[in-house]
């Protein structure tokens, strides 16, 4: 999710140092869209509209907080929802931050820096 300035909502899980997109592992039999909606709700208390999710791609990268592991993520865009402006951290989330995808920084998950942010910048 991006705000009016094009910044991307990122989260940092409790006890970790890297910012990443909200999301998580799918449950057995769960469609990637269902996972996105469920995880966004669990982590931020925001209900996304499944029908408004736009696929950005499926990407593989080194796991941000698990050295030696690789993550594969189905990433979607969703139009901004007003509740996101005042979202709070829930579940294992400790911190929320709106990140400018054009500004390099050292505390971002490889999935973002290697795949997601370049894809967003290529198709604003």
PDB file of N, CA and C in Angstrom:
ATOM      1  N   UNK A   1       0.846  -1.176   0.000  1.00  0.00           N
ATOM      2  CA  UNK A   1       0.000   0.000   0.000  1.00  0.00           C
ATOM      3  C   UNK A   1       0.889   1.234   0.000  1.00  0.00           C
ATOM      4  N   UNK A   2       0.525   2.183  -0.866  1.00  0.00           N
ATOM      5  CA  UNK A   2       1.266   3.438  -0.939  1.00  0.00           C
ATOM      6  C   UNK A   2       0.358   4.601  -0.558  1.00  0.00           C
ATOM      7  N   UNK A   3       0.985   5.638  -0.002  1.00  0.00           N
ATOM      8  CA  UNK A   3       0.227   6.834   0.350  1.00  0.00           C
ATOM      9  C   UNK A   3       0.258   7.820  -0.819  1.00  0.00           C
ATOM     10  N   UNK A   4      -0.289   9.016  -0.621  1.00  0.00           N
ATOM     11  CA  UNK A   4      -0.370  10.015  -1.690  1.00  0.00           C
ATOM     12  C   UNK A   4       0.999  10.450  -2.199  1.00  0.00           C
ATOM     13  N   UNK A   5       2.043  10.322  -1.366  1.00  0.00           N
ATOM     14  CA  UNK A   5       3.403  10.692  -1.766  1.00  0.00           C
ATOM     15  C   UNK A   5       4.148   9.529  -2.420  1.00  0.00           C
ATOM     16  N   UNK A   6       3.504   8.367  -2.532  1.00  0.00           N
ATOM     17  CA  UNK A   6       4.133   7.202  -3.132  1.00  0.00           C
ATOM     18  C   UNK A   6       4.950   6.361  -2.170  1.00  0.00           C
ATOM     19  N   UNK A   7       4.905   6.716  -0.890  1.00  0.00           N
ATOM     20  CA  UNK A   7       5.638   5.923   0.104  1.00  0.00           C
ATOM     21  C   UNK A   7       4.912   4.605   0.346  1.00  0.00           C
ATOM     22  N   UNK A   8       5.679   3.577   0.693  1.00  0.00           N
ATOM     23  CA  UNK A   8       5.156   2.227   0.878  1.00  0.00           C
ATOM     24  C   UNK A   8       5.106   1.898   2.368  1.00  0.00           C
ATOM     25  N   UNK A   9       3.980   1.371   2.812  1.00  0.00           N
ATOM     26  CA  UNK A   9       3.836   0.989   4.210  1.00  0.00           C
ATOM     27  C   UNK A   9       4.680  -0.245   4.497  1.00  0.00           C
ATOM     28  N   UNK A  10       5.590  -0.131   5.456  1.00  0.00           N
ATOM     29  CA  UNK A  10       6.459  -1.225   5.880  1.00  0.00           C
ATOM     30  C   UNK A  10       6.290  -1.450   7.369  1.00  0.00           C
ATOM     31  N   UNK A  11       6.663  -2.644   7.803  1.00  0.00           N
ATOM     32  CA  UNK A  11       6.571  -3.003   9.212  1.00  0.00           C
ATOM     33  C   UNK A  11       7.900  -3.605   9.660  1.00  0.00           C
ATOM     34  N   UNK A  12       8.120  -3.559  10.963  1.00  0.00           N
ATOM     35  CA  UNK A  12       9.261  -4.261  11.565  1.00  0.00           C
ATOM     36  C   UNK A  12       8.701  -5.145  12.664  1.00  0.00           C
ATOM     37  N   UNK A  13       9.028  -6.416  12.573  1.00  0.00           N
ATOM     38  CA  UNK A  13       8.553  -7.363  13.581  1.00  0.00           C
ATOM     39  C   UNK A  13       9.350  -7.212  14.863  1.00  0.00           C
ATOM     40  N   UNK A  14       8.714  -7.513  15.972  1.00  0.00           N
ATOM     41  CA  UNK A  14       9.331  -7.430  17.297  1.00  0.00           C
ATOM     42  C   UNK A  14      10.619  -8.250  17.326  1.00  0.00           C
ATOM     43  N   UNK A  15      11.698  -7.651  17.832  1.00  0.00           N
ATOM     44  CA  UNK A  15      12.970  -8.342  17.969  1.00  0.00           C
ATOM     45  C   UNK A  15      13.794  -8.422  16.706  1.00  0.00           C
ATOM     46  N   UNK A  16      13.425  -7.671  15.657  1.00  0.00           N
ATOM     47  CA  UNK A  16      14.183  -7.686  14.403  1.00  0.00           C
ATOM     48  C   UNK A  16      14.634  -6.269  14.059  1.00  0.00           C
ATOM     49  N   UNK A  17      15.472  -6.155  13.028  1.00  0.00           N
ATOM     50  CA  UNK A  17      16.019  -4.857  12.659  1.00  0.00           C
ATOM     51  C   UNK A  17      15.595  -4.382  11.274  1.00  0.00           C
ATOM     52  N   UNK A  18      15.024  -5.264  10.456  1.00  0.00           N
ATOM     53  CA  UNK A  18      14.734  -4.920   9.064  1.00  0.00           C
ATOM     54  C   UNK A  18      13.255  -4.591   8.860  1.00  0.00           C
ATOM     55  N   UNK A  19      13.013  -3.572   8.027  1.00  0.00           N
ATOM     56  CA  UNK A  19      11.651  -3.231   7.629  1.00  0.00           C
ATOM     57  C   UNK A  19      11.262  -4.093   6.438  1.00  0.00           C
ATOM     58  N   UNK A  20      10.005  -4.476   6.397  1.00  0.00           N
ATOM     59  CA  UNK A  20       9.500  -5.318   5.316  1.00  0.00           C
ATOM     60  C   UNK A  20       8.036  -5.002   5.066  1.00  0.00           C
ATOM     61  N   UNK A  21       7.512  -5.565   4.000  1.00  0.00           N
ATOM     62  CA  UNK A  21       6.096  -5.398   3.715  1.00  0.00           C
ATOM     63  C   UNK A  21       5.273  -6.181   4.731  1.00  0.00           C
ATOM     64  N   UNK A  22       4.070  -5.703   5.049  1.00  0.00           N
ATOM     65  CA  UNK A  22       3.184  -6.509   5.884  1.00  0.00           C
ATOM     66  C   UNK A  22       2.884  -7.816   5.153  1.00  0.00           C
ATOM     67  N   UNK A  23       2.755  -8.888   5.882  1.00  0.00           N
ATOM     68  CA  UNK A  23       2.421 -10.169   5.251  1.00  0.00           C
ATOM     69  C   UNK A  23       2.973 -11.313   6.047  1.00  0.00           C
ATOM     70  N   UNK A  24       2.833 -12.501   5.493  1.00  0.00           N
ATOM     71  CA  UNK A  24       3.318 -13.678   6.193  1.00  0.00           C
ATOM     72  C   UNK A  24       3.030 -14.943   5.432  1.00  0.00           C
ATOM     73  N   UNK A  25       3.195 -16.040   6.115  1.00  0.00           N
ATOM     74  CA  UNK A  25       3.042 -17.360   5.505  1.00  0.00           C
ATOM     75  C   UNK A  25       1.567 -17.684   5.272  1.00  0.00           C
ATOM     76  N   UNK A  26       1.331 -18.375   4.149  1.00  0.00           N
ATOM     77  CA  UNK A  26      -0.045 -18.782   3.859  1.00  0.00           C
ATOM     78  C   UNK A  26      -0.425 -20.013   4.669  1.00  0.00           C
ATOM     79  N   UNK A  27      -1.698 -20.134   4.903  1.00  0.00           N
ATOM     80  CA  UNK A  27      -2.220 -21.311   5.584  1.00  0.00           C
ATOM     81  C   UNK A  27      -2.577 -22.353   4.531  1.00  0.00           C
ATOM     82  N   UNK A  28      -2.642 -23.604   4.923  1.00  0.00           N
ATOM     83  CA  UNK A  28      -2.938 -24.692   3.999  1.00  0.00           C
ATOM     84  C   UNK A  28      -4.205 -24.401   3.205  1.00  0.00           C
ATOM     85  N   UNK A  29      -4.075 -24.488   1.873  1.00  0.00           N
ATOM     86  CA  UNK A  29      -5.215 -24.270   0.992  1.00  0.00           C
ATOM     87  C   UNK A  29      -5.577 -22.820   0.752  1.00  0.00           C
ATOM     88  N   UNK A  30      -4.829 -21.901   1.313  1.00  0.00           N
ATOM     89  CA  UNK A  30      -5.151 -20.478   1.209  1.00  0.00           C
ATOM     90  C   UNK A  30      -4.585 -19.890  -0.076  1.00  0.00           C
ATOM     91  N   UNK A  31      -5.386 -19.133  -0.770  1.00  0.00           N
ATOM     92  CA  UNK A  31      -4.990 -18.413  -1.975  1.00  0.00           C
ATOM     93  C   UNK A  31      -4.096 -17.233  -1.559  1.00  0.00           C
ATOM     94  N   UNK A  32      -3.100 -16.851  -2.382  1.00  0.00           N
ATOM     95  CA  UNK A  32      -2.236 -15.717  -2.011  1.00  0.00           C
ATOM     96  C   UNK A  32      -2.999 -14.433  -1.696  1.00  0.00           C
ATOM     97  N   UNK A  33      -4.102 -14.187  -2.383  1.00  0.00           N
ATOM     98  CA  UNK A  33      -4.900 -12.988  -2.085  1.00  0.00           C
ATOM     99  C   UNK A  33      -5.515 -13.085  -0.691  1.00  0.00           C
ATOM    100  N   UNK A  34      -6.003 -14.266  -0.346  1.00  0.00           N
ATOM    101  CA  UNK A  34      -6.575 -14.464   0.979  1.00  0.00           C
ATOM    102  C   UNK A  34      -5.512 -14.269   2.059  1.00  0.00           C
ATOM    103  N   UNK A  35      -4.290 -14.756   1.778  1.00  0.00           N
ATOM    104  CA  UNK A  35      -3.193 -14.577   2.727  1.00  0.00           C
ATOM    105  C   UNK A  35      -2.924 -13.091   2.940  1.00  0.00           C
ATOM    106  N   UNK A  36      -2.860 -12.340   1.841  1.00  0.00           N
ATOM    107  CA  UNK A  36      -2.580 -10.904   1.932  1.00  0.00           C
ATOM    108  C   UNK A  36      -3.642 -10.193   2.776  1.00  0.00           C
ATOM    109  N   UNK A  37      -4.894 -10.485   2.522  1.00  0.00           N
ATOM    110  CA  UNK A  37      -5.982  -9.844   3.263  1.00  0.00           C
ATOM    111  C   UNK A  37      -5.923 -10.233   4.745  1.00  0.00           C
ATOM    112  N   UNK A  38      -5.740 -11.525   5.025  1.00  0.00           N
ATOM    113  CA  UNK A  38      -5.687 -11.995   6.413  1.00  0.00           C
ATOM    114  C   UNK A  38      -4.514 -11.392   7.168  1.00  0.00           C
ATOM    115  N   UNK A  39      -3.318 -11.446   6.560  1.00  0.00           N
ATOM    116  CA  UNK A  39      -2.123 -10.946   7.241  1.00  0.00           C
ATOM    117  C   UNK A  39      -2.192  -9.434   7.471  1.00  0.00           C
ATOM    118  N   UNK A  40      -2.678  -8.686   6.508  1.00  0.00           N
ATOM    119  CA  UNK A  40      -2.805  -7.229   6.668  1.00  0.00           C
ATOM    120  C   UNK A  40      -3.743  -6.929   7.834  1.00  0.00           C
ATOM    121  N   UNK A  41      -4.825  -7.674   7.923  1.00  0.00           N
ATOM    122  CA  UNK A  41      -5.763  -7.487   9.027  1.00  0.00           C
ATOM    123  C   UNK A  41      -5.160  -7.847  10.374  1.00  0.00           C
ATOM    124  N   UNK A  42      -4.442  -8.983  10.420  1.00  0.00           N
ATOM    125  CA  UNK A  42      -3.844  -9.424  11.680  1.00  0.00           C
ATOM    126  C   UNK A  42      -2.741  -8.482  12.156  1.00  0.00           C
ATOM    127  N   UNK A  43      -1.931  -7.992  11.234  1.00  0.00           N
ATOM    128  CA  UNK A  43      -0.775  -7.172  11.606  1.00  0.00           C
ATOM    129  C   UNK A  43      -1.101  -5.704  11.793  1.00  0.00           C
ATOM    130  N   UNK A  44      -2.127  -5.206  11.078  1.00  0.00           N
ATOM    131  CA  UNK A  44      -2.399  -3.768  11.104  1.00  0.00           C
ATOM    132  C   UNK A  44      -3.840  -3.410  11.450  1.00  0.00           C
ATOM    133  N   UNK A  45      -4.721  -4.401  11.498  1.00  0.00           N
ATOM    134  CA  UNK A  45      -6.120  -4.121  11.793  1.00  0.00           C
ATOM    135  C   UNK A  45      -6.842  -3.431  10.654  1.00  0.00           C
ATOM    136  N   UNK A  46      -6.347  -3.600   9.434  1.00  0.00           N
ATOM    137  CA  UNK A  46      -6.940  -2.954   8.266  1.00  0.00           C
ATOM    138  C   UNK A  46      -7.516  -4.021   7.348  1.00  0.00           C
ATOM    139  N   UNK A  47      -8.775  -3.843   6.967  1.00  0.00           N
ATOM    140  CA  UNK A  47      -9.437  -4.780   6.060  1.00  0.00           C
ATOM    141  C   UNK A  47      -9.197  -4.353   4.616  1.00  0.00           C
ATOM    142  N   UNK A  48      -8.492  -5.192   3.870  1.00  0.00           N
ATOM    143  CA  UNK A  48      -8.295  -4.938   2.443  1.00  0.00           C
ATOM    144  C   UNK A  48      -9.430  -5.581   1.660  1.00  0.00           C
ATOM    145  N   UNK A  49      -9.711  -5.032   0.498  1.00  0.00           N
ATOM    146  CA  UNK A  49     -10.714  -5.581  -0.406  1.00  0.00           C
ATOM    147  C   UNK A  49      -9.992  -6.524  -1.364  1.00  0.00           C
ATOM    148  N   UNK A  50     -10.238  -7.808  -1.239  1.00  0.00           N
ATOM    149  CA  UNK A  50      -9.574  -8.826  -2.060  1.00  0.00           C
ATOM    150  C   UNK A  50      -9.674  -8.501  -3.551  1.00  0.00           C
ATOM    151  N   UNK A  51     -10.815  -7.968  -3.976  1.00  0.00           N
ATOM    152  CA  UNK A  51     -11.030  -7.692  -5.397  1.00  0.00           C
ATOM    153  C   UNK A  51     -10.202  -6.504  -5.897  1.00  0.00           C
ATOM    154  N   UNK A  52      -9.635  -5.715  -4.977  1.00  0.00           N
ATOM    155  CA  UNK A  52      -8.845  -4.541  -5.377  1.00  0.00           C
ATOM    156  C   UNK A  52      -7.339  -4.807  -5.322  1.00  0.00           C
ATOM    157  N   UNK A  53      -6.947  -6.038  -4.999  1.00  0.00           N
ATOM    158  CA  UNK A  53      -5.534  -6.403  -4.997  1.00  0.00           C
ATOM    159  C   UNK A  53      -5.050  -6.570  -6.438  1.00  0.00           C
ATOM    160  N   UNK A  54      -3.956  -5.901  -6.761  1.00  0.00           N
ATOM    161  CA  UNK A  54      -3.369  -5.956  -8.102  1.00  0.00           C
ATOM    162  C   UNK A  54      -2.020  -6.665  -7.990  1.00  0.00           C
ATOM    163  N   UNK A  55      -1.844  -7.800  -8.688  1.00  0.00           N
ATOM    164  CA  UNK A  55      -0.571  -8.515  -8.587  1.00  0.00           C
ATOM    165  C   UNK A  55       0.607  -7.667  -9.083  1.00  0.00           C
ATOM    166  N   UNK A  56       1.650  -7.600  -8.281  1.00  0.00           N
ATOM    167  CA  UNK A  56       2.890  -6.926  -8.681  1.00  0.00           C
ATOM    168  C   UNK A  56       3.889  -7.967  -9.168  1.00  0.00           C
ATOM    169  N   UNK A  57       3.864  -9.149  -8.569  1.00  0.00           N
ATOM    170  CA  UNK A  57       4.740 -10.233  -8.986  1.00  0.00           C
ATOM    171  C   UNK A  57       4.984 -11.214  -7.868  1.00  0.00           C
ATOM    172  N   UNK A  58       5.652 -12.304  -8.218  1.00  0.00           N
ATOM    173  CA  UNK A  58       6.108 -13.290  -7.245  1.00  0.00           C
ATOM    174  C   UNK A  58       7.622 -13.205  -7.252  1.00  0.00           C
ATOM    175  N   UNK A  59       8.208 -12.944  -6.097  1.00  0.00           N
ATOM    176  CA  UNK A  59       9.637 -12.662  -5.997  1.00  0.00           C
ATOM    177  C   UNK A  59      10.299 -13.570  -4.967  1.00  0.00           C
ATOM    178  N   UNK A  60      11.574 -13.872  -5.194  1.00  0.00           N
ATOM    179  CA  UNK A  60      12.396 -14.651  -4.256  1.00  0.00           C
ATOM    180  C   UNK A  60      13.594 -13.803  -3.865  1.00  0.00           C
ATOM    181  N   UNK A  61      13.912 -13.826  -2.563  1.00  0.00           N
ATOM    182  CA  UNK A  61      15.058 -13.066  -2.058  1.00  0.00           C
ATOM    183  C   UNK A  61      15.512 -13.671  -0.734  1.00  0.00           C
ATOM    184  N   UNK A  62      16.690 -13.279  -0.298  1.00  0.00           N
ATOM    185  CA  UNK A  62      17.183 -13.695   1.015  1.00  0.00           C
ATOM    186  C   UNK A  62      16.237 -13.179   2.085  1.00  0.00           C
ATOM    187  N   UNK A  63      15.967 -14.014   3.072  1.00  0.00           N
ATOM    188  CA  UNK A  63      15.091 -13.610   4.171  1.00  0.00           C
ATOM    189  C   UNK A  63      15.765 -12.516   4.988  1.00  0.00           C
ATOM    190  N   UNK A  64      15.031 -11.491   5.320  1.00  0.00           N
ATOM    191  CA  UNK A  64      15.584 -10.335   6.030  1.00  0.00           C
ATOM    192  C   UNK A  64      16.066 -10.670   7.427  1.00  0.00           C
ATOM    193  N   UNK A  65      15.320 -11.485   8.132  1.00  0.00           N
ATOM    194  CA  UNK A  65      15.620 -11.731   9.542  1.00  0.00           C
ATOM    195  C   UNK A  65      15.978 -13.183   9.842  1.00  0.00           C
ATOM    196  N   UNK A  66      16.219 -13.973   8.797  1.00  0.00           N
ATOM    197  CA  UNK A  66      16.567 -15.381   8.968  1.00  0.00           C
ATOM    198  C   UNK A  66      17.742 -15.708   8.056  1.00  0.00           C
ATOM    199  N   UNK A  67      18.965 -15.453   8.502  1.00  0.00           N
ATOM    200  CA  UNK A  67      20.139 -15.709   7.670  1.00  0.00           C
ATOM    201  C   UNK A  67      20.158 -17.132   7.109  1.00  0.00           C
ATOM    202  N   UNK A  68      20.509 -17.239   5.832  1.00  0.00           N
ATOM    203  CA  UNK A  68      20.587 -18.524   5.179  1.00  0.00           C
ATOM    204  C   UNK A  68      19.273 -19.034   4.621  1.00  0.00           C
ATOM    205  N   UNK A  69      18.195 -18.292   4.814  1.00  0.00           N
ATOM    206  CA  UNK A  69      16.889 -18.693   4.300  1.00  0.00           C
ATOM    207  C   UNK A  69      16.468 -17.780   3.149  1.00  0.00           C
ATOM    208  N   UNK A  70      15.586 -18.302   2.314  1.00  0.00           N
ATOM    209  CA  UNK A  70      15.050 -17.555   1.180  1.00  0.00           C
ATOM    210  C   UNK A  70      13.543 -17.453   1.352  1.00  0.00           C
ATOM    211  N   UNK A  71      12.998 -16.291   1.008  1.00  0.00           N
ATOM    212  CA  UNK A  71      11.544 -16.115   1.022  1.00  0.00           C
ATOM    213  C   UNK A  71      11.053 -16.018  -0.410  1.00  0.00           C
ATOM    214  N   UNK A  72       9.861 -16.518  -0.620  1.00  0.00           N
ATOM    215  CA  UNK A  72       9.177 -16.325  -1.900  1.00  0.00           C
ATOM    216  C   UNK A  72       7.856 -15.668  -1.555  1.00  0.00           C
ATOM    217  N   UNK A  73       7.588 -14.552  -2.191  1.00  0.00           N
ATOM    218  CA  UNK A  73       6.398 -13.779  -1.834  1.00  0.00           C
ATOM    219  C   UNK A  73       5.600 -13.382  -3.060  1.00  0.00           C
ATOM    220  N   UNK A  74       4.301 -13.608  -2.975  1.00  0.00           N
ATOM    221  CA  UNK A  74       3.366 -13.054  -3.950  1.00  0.00           C
ATOM    222  C   UNK A  74       3.030 -11.661  -3.425  1.00  0.00           C
ATOM    223  N   UNK A  75       3.371 -10.636  -4.197  1.00  0.00           N
ATOM    224  CA  UNK A  75       3.217  -9.248  -3.749  1.00  0.00           C
ATOM    225  C   UNK A  75       2.109  -8.581  -4.555  1.00  0.00           C
ATOM    226  N   UNK A  76       1.254  -7.867  -3.838  1.00  0.00           N
ATOM    227  CA  UNK A  76       0.130  -7.173  -4.448  1.00  0.00           C
ATOM    228  C   UNK A  76       0.174  -5.694  -4.108  1.00  0.00           C
ATOM    229  N   UNK A  77      -0.422  -4.904  -4.969  1.00  0.00           N
ATOM    230  CA  UNK A  77      -0.702  -3.500  -4.655  1.00  0.00           C
ATOM    231  C   UNK A  77      -2.173  -3.412  -4.278  1.00  0.00           C
ATOM    232  N   UNK A  78      -2.505  -2.446  -3.440  1.00  0.00           N
ATOM    233  CA  UNK A  78      -3.892  -2.185  -3.054  1.00  0.00           C
ATOM    234  C   UNK A  78      -4.044  -0.682  -2.945  1.00  0.00           C
ATOM    235  N   UNK A  79      -5.124  -0.118  -3.462  1.00  0.00           N
ATOM    236  CA  UNK A  79      -5.321   1.325  -3.314  1.00  0.00           C
ATOM    237  C   UNK A  79      -5.289   1.729  -1.841  1.00  0.00           C
ATOM    238  N   UNK A  80      -4.822   2.928  -1.599  1.00  0.00           N
ATOM    239  CA  UNK A  80      -4.733   3.472  -0.242  1.00  0.00           C
ATOM    240  C   UNK A  80      -6.107   3.447   0.421  1.00  0.00           C
ATOM    241  N   UNK A  81      -6.126   3.080   1.689  1.00  0.00           N
ATOM    242  CA  UNK A  81      -7.346   3.170   2.484  1.00  0.00           C
ATOM    243  C   UNK A  81      -7.051   4.105   3.649  1.00  0.00           C
ATOM    244  N   UNK A  82      -8.009   4.924   4.001  1.00  0.00           N
ATOM    245  CA  UNK A  82      -7.835   5.959   5.012  1.00  0.00           C
ATOM    246  C   UNK A  82      -7.328   5.392   6.330  1.00  0.00           C
ATOM    247  N   UNK A  83      -7.780   4.206   6.708  1.00  0.00           N
ATOM    248  CA  UNK A  83      -7.370   3.607   7.977  1.00  0.00           C
ATOM    249  C   UNK A  83      -5.862   3.398   8.061  1.00  0.00           C
ATOM    250  N   UNK A  84      -5.204   3.283   6.919  1.00  0.00           N
ATOM    251  CA  UNK A  84      -3.755   3.042   6.915  1.00  0.00           C
ATOM    252  C   UNK A  84      -2.981   4.229   7.479  1.00  0.00           C
ATOM    253  N   UNK A  85      -3.536   5.427   7.371  1.00  0.00           N
ATOM    254  CA  UNK A  85      -2.847   6.624   7.860  1.00  0.00           C
ATOM    255  C   UNK A  85      -2.665   6.587   9.376  1.00  0.00           C
ATOM    256  N   UNK A  86      -3.545   5.882  10.061  1.00  0.00           N
ATOM    257  CA  UNK A  86      -3.464   5.822  11.525  1.00  0.00           C
ATOM    258  C   UNK A  86      -3.362   4.385  12.027  1.00  0.00           C
ATOM    259  N   UNK A  87      -2.905   3.483  11.157  1.00  0.00           N
ATOM    260  CA  UNK A  87      -2.797   2.069  11.526  1.00  0.00           C
ATOM    261  C   UNK A  87      -1.891   1.893  12.732  1.00  0.00           C
ATOM    262  N   UNK A  88      -2.187   0.893  13.506  1.00  0.00           N
ATOM    263  CA  UNK A  88      -1.355   0.562  14.658  1.00  0.00           C
ATOM    264  C   UNK A  88      -0.738  -0.807  14.490  1.00  0.00           C
ATOM    265  N   UNK A  89       0.335  -1.035  15.196  1.00  0.00           N
ATOM    266  CA  UNK A  89       1.017  -2.321  15.146  1.00  0.00           C
ATOM    267  C   UNK A  89       0.270  -3.339  16.000  1.00  0.00           C
ATOM    268  N   UNK A  90      -0.030  -4.481  15.411  1.00  0.00           N
ATOM    269  CA  UNK A  90      -0.700  -5.564  16.109  1.00  0.00           C
ATOM    270  C   UNK A  90       0.147  -6.835  16.004  1.00  0.00           C
ATOM    271  N   UNK A  91      -0.271  -7.869  16.712  1.00  0.00           N
ATOM    272  CA  UNK A  91       0.394  -9.181  16.661  1.00  0.00           C
ATOM    273  C   UNK A  91       1.883  -9.017  16.924  1.00  0.00           C
ATOM    274  N   UNK A  92       2.725  -9.539  16.023  1.00  0.00           N
ATOM    275  CA  UNK A  92       4.175  -9.495  16.226  1.00  0.00           C
ATOM    276  C   UNK A  92       4.829  -8.212  15.710  1.00  0.00           C
ATOM    277  N   UNK A  93       4.028  -7.267  15.237  1.00  0.00           N
ATOM    278  CA  UNK A  93       4.570  -6.032  14.661  1.00  0.00           C
ATOM    279  C   UNK A  93       4.904  -5.038  15.768  1.00  0.00           C
ATOM    280  N   UNK A  94       6.108  -4.478  15.684  1.00  0.00           N
ATOM    281  CA  UNK A  94       6.561  -3.511  16.682  1.00  0.00           C
ATOM    282  C   UNK A  94       6.565  -2.078  16.152  1.00  0.00           C
ATOM    283  N   UNK A  95       6.741  -1.932  14.826  1.00  0.00           N
ATOM    284  CA  UNK A  95       6.932  -0.596  14.252  1.00  0.00           C
ATOM    285  C   UNK A  95       6.350  -0.546  12.847  1.00  0.00           C
ATOM    286  N   UNK A  96       5.705   0.575  12.519  1.00  0.00           N
ATOM    287  CA  UNK A  96       5.203   0.840  11.158  1.00  0.00           C
ATOM    288  C   UNK A  96       5.915   2.070  10.629  1.00  0.00           C
ATOM    289  N   UNK A  97       6.186   2.058   9.332  1.00  0.00           N
ATOM    290  CA  UNK A  97       6.847   3.209   8.731  1.00  0.00           C
ATOM    291  C   UNK A  97       6.503   3.299   7.246  1.00  0.00           C
ATOM    292  N   UNK A  98       6.229   4.534   6.787  1.00  0.00           N
ATOM    293  CA  UNK A  98       6.007   4.783   5.364  1.00  0.00           C
ATOM    294  C   UNK A  98       7.369   5.073   4.744  1.00  0.00           C
ATOM    295  N   UNK A  99       7.776   4.256   3.783  1.00  0.00           N
ATOM    296  CA  UNK A  99       9.121   4.303   3.217  1.00  0.00           C
ATOM    297  C   UNK A  99       9.069   4.751   1.760  1.00  0.00           C
ATOM    298  N   UNK A 100       9.925   5.713   1.420  1.00  0.00           N
ATOM    299  CA  UNK A 100      10.055   6.163   0.034  1.00  0.00           C
ATOM    300  C   UNK A 100      10.876   5.120  -0.729  1.00  0.00           C
ATOM    301  N   UNK A 101      10.282   4.446  -1.723  1.00  0.00           N
ATOM    302  CA  UNK A 101      11.014   3.393  -2.427  1.00  0.00           C
ATOM    303  C   UNK A 101      12.192   3.899  -3.258  1.00  0.00           C
ATOM    304  N   UNK A 102      12.283   5.200  -3.473  1.00  0.00           N
ATOM    305  CA  UNK A 102      13.376   5.769  -4.267  1.00  0.00           C
ATOM    306  C   UNK A 102      14.587   6.146  -3.417  1.00  0.00           C
ATOM    307  N   UNK A 103      14.462   6.083  -2.095  1.00  0.00           N
ATOM    308  CA  UNK A 103      15.550   6.495  -1.209  1.00  0.00           C
ATOM    309  C   UNK A 103      16.237   5.257  -0.634  1.00  0.00           C
ATOM    310  N   UNK A 104      17.502   5.017  -1.014  1.00  0.00           N
ATOM    311  CA  UNK A 104      18.223   3.850  -0.484  1.00  0.00           C
ATOM    312  C   UNK A 104      18.425   3.959   1.023  1.00  0.00           C
ATOM    313  N   UNK A 105      18.313   2.823   1.697  1.00  0.00           N
ATOM    314  CA  UNK A 105      18.574   2.757   3.124  1.00  0.00           C
ATOM    315  C   UNK A 105      18.998   1.337   3.469  1.00  0.00           C
ATOM    316  N   UNK A 106      19.665   1.192   4.579  1.00  0.00           N
ATOM    317  CA  UNK A 106      20.236  -0.087   4.952  1.00  0.00           C
ATOM    318  C   UNK A 106      19.373  -0.970   5.826  1.00  0.00           C
ATOM    319  N   UNK A 107      18.170  -0.522   6.167  1.00  0.00           N
ATOM    320  CA  UNK A 107      17.335  -1.303   7.076  1.00  0.00           C
ATOM    321  C   UNK A 107      16.109  -1.895   6.395  1.00  0.00           C
ATOM    322  N   UNK A 108      16.225  -2.158   5.095  1.00  0.00           N
ATOM    323  CA  UNK A 108      15.103  -2.706   4.337  1.00  0.00           C
ATOM    324  C   UNK A 108      15.364  -4.149   3.935  1.00  0.00           C
ATOM    325  N   UNK A 109      14.316  -4.938   3.921  1.00  0.00           N
ATOM    326  CA  UNK A 109      14.413  -6.342   3.514  1.00  0.00           C
ATOM    327  C   UNK A 109      14.904  -6.437   2.068  1.00  0.00           C
ATOM    328  N   UNK A 110      15.738  -7.441   1.775  1.00  0.00           N
ATOM    329  CA  UNK A 110      16.199  -7.643   0.405  1.00  0.00           C
ATOM    330  C   UNK A 110      15.051  -7.783  -0.602  1.00  0.00           C
ATOM    331  N   UNK A 111      13.940  -8.364  -0.198  1.00  0.00           N
ATOM    332  CA  UNK A 111      12.797  -8.482  -1.098  1.00  0.00           C
ATOM    333  C   UNK A 111      12.378  -7.110  -1.608  1.00  0.00           C
ATOM    334  N   UNK A 112      12.376  -6.119  -0.714  1.00  0.00           N
ATOM    335  CA  UNK A 112      12.012  -4.753  -1.107  1.00  0.00           C
ATOM    336  C   UNK A 112      13.059  -4.127  -2.022  1.00  0.00           C
ATOM    337  N   UNK A 113      14.313  -4.156  -1.588  1.00  0.00           N
ATOM    338  CA  UNK A 113      15.364  -3.444  -2.327  1.00  0.00           C
ATOM    339  C   UNK A 113      15.688  -4.097  -3.655  1.00  0.00           C
ATOM    340  N   UNK A 114      15.600  -5.430  -3.733  1.00  0.00           N
ATOM    341  CA  UNK A 114      15.976  -6.126  -4.960  1.00  0.00           C
ATOM    342  C   UNK A 114      14.822  -6.280  -5.952  1.00  0.00           C
ATOM    343  N   UNK A 115      13.585  -6.315  -5.471  1.00  0.00           N
ATOM    344  CA  UNK A 115      12.475  -6.640  -6.363  1.00  0.00           C
ATOM    345  C   UNK A 115      11.280  -5.686  -6.296  1.00  0.00           C
ATOM    346  N   UNK A 116      10.719  -5.540  -5.106  1.00  0.00           N
ATOM    347  CA  UNK A 116       9.464  -4.813  -4.976  1.00  0.00           C
ATOM    348  C   UNK A 116       9.616  -3.333  -5.307  1.00  0.00           C
ATOM    349  N   UNK A 117      10.579  -2.664  -4.674  1.00  0.00           N
ATOM    350  CA  UNK A 117      10.731  -1.226  -4.914  1.00  0.00           C
ATOM    351  C   UNK A 117      11.117  -0.929  -6.369  1.00  0.00           C
ATOM    352  N   UNK A 118      12.051  -1.687  -6.983  1.00  0.00           N
ATOM    353  CA  UNK A 118      12.320  -1.452  -8.407  1.00  0.00           C
ATOM    354  C   UNK A 118      11.069  -1.646  -9.281  1.00  0.00           C
ATOM    355  N   UNK A 119      10.252  -2.642  -8.978  1.00  0.00           N
ATOM    356  CA  UNK A 119       9.022  -2.860  -9.756  1.00  0.00           C
ATOM    357  C   UNK A 119       8.059  -1.697  -9.583  1.00  0.00           C
ATOM    358  N   UNK A 120       7.921  -1.190  -8.359  1.00  0.00           N
ATOM    359  CA  UNK A 120       7.027  -0.051  -8.129  1.00  0.00           C
ATOM    360  C   UNK A 120       7.532   1.212  -8.824  1.00  0.00           C
ATOM    361  N   UNK A 121       8.842   1.426  -8.790  1.00  0.00           N
ATOM    362  CA  UNK A 121       9.412   2.620  -9.421  1.00  0.00           C
ATOM    363  C   UNK A 121       9.321   2.545 -10.949  1.00  0.00           C
ATOM    364  N   UNK A 122       9.340   1.335 -11.494  1.00  0.00           N
ATOM    365  CA  UNK A 122       9.232   1.167 -12.941  1.00  0.00           C
ATOM    366  C   UNK A 122       7.822   1.407 -13.450  1.00  0.00           C
ATOM    367  N   UNK A 123       6.833   1.220 -12.573  1.00  0.00           N
ATOM    368  CA  UNK A 123       5.418   1.398 -12.937  1.00  0.00           C
ATOM    369  C   UNK A 123       4.712   2.200 -11.857  1.00  0.00           C
ATOM    370  N   UNK A 124       4.986   3.503 -11.800  1.00  0.00           N
ATOM    371  CA  UNK A 124       4.388   4.331 -10.725  1.00  0.00           C
ATOM    372  C   UNK A 124       2.930   4.411 -10.846  1.00  0.00           C
TER     373      UNK A 124
END
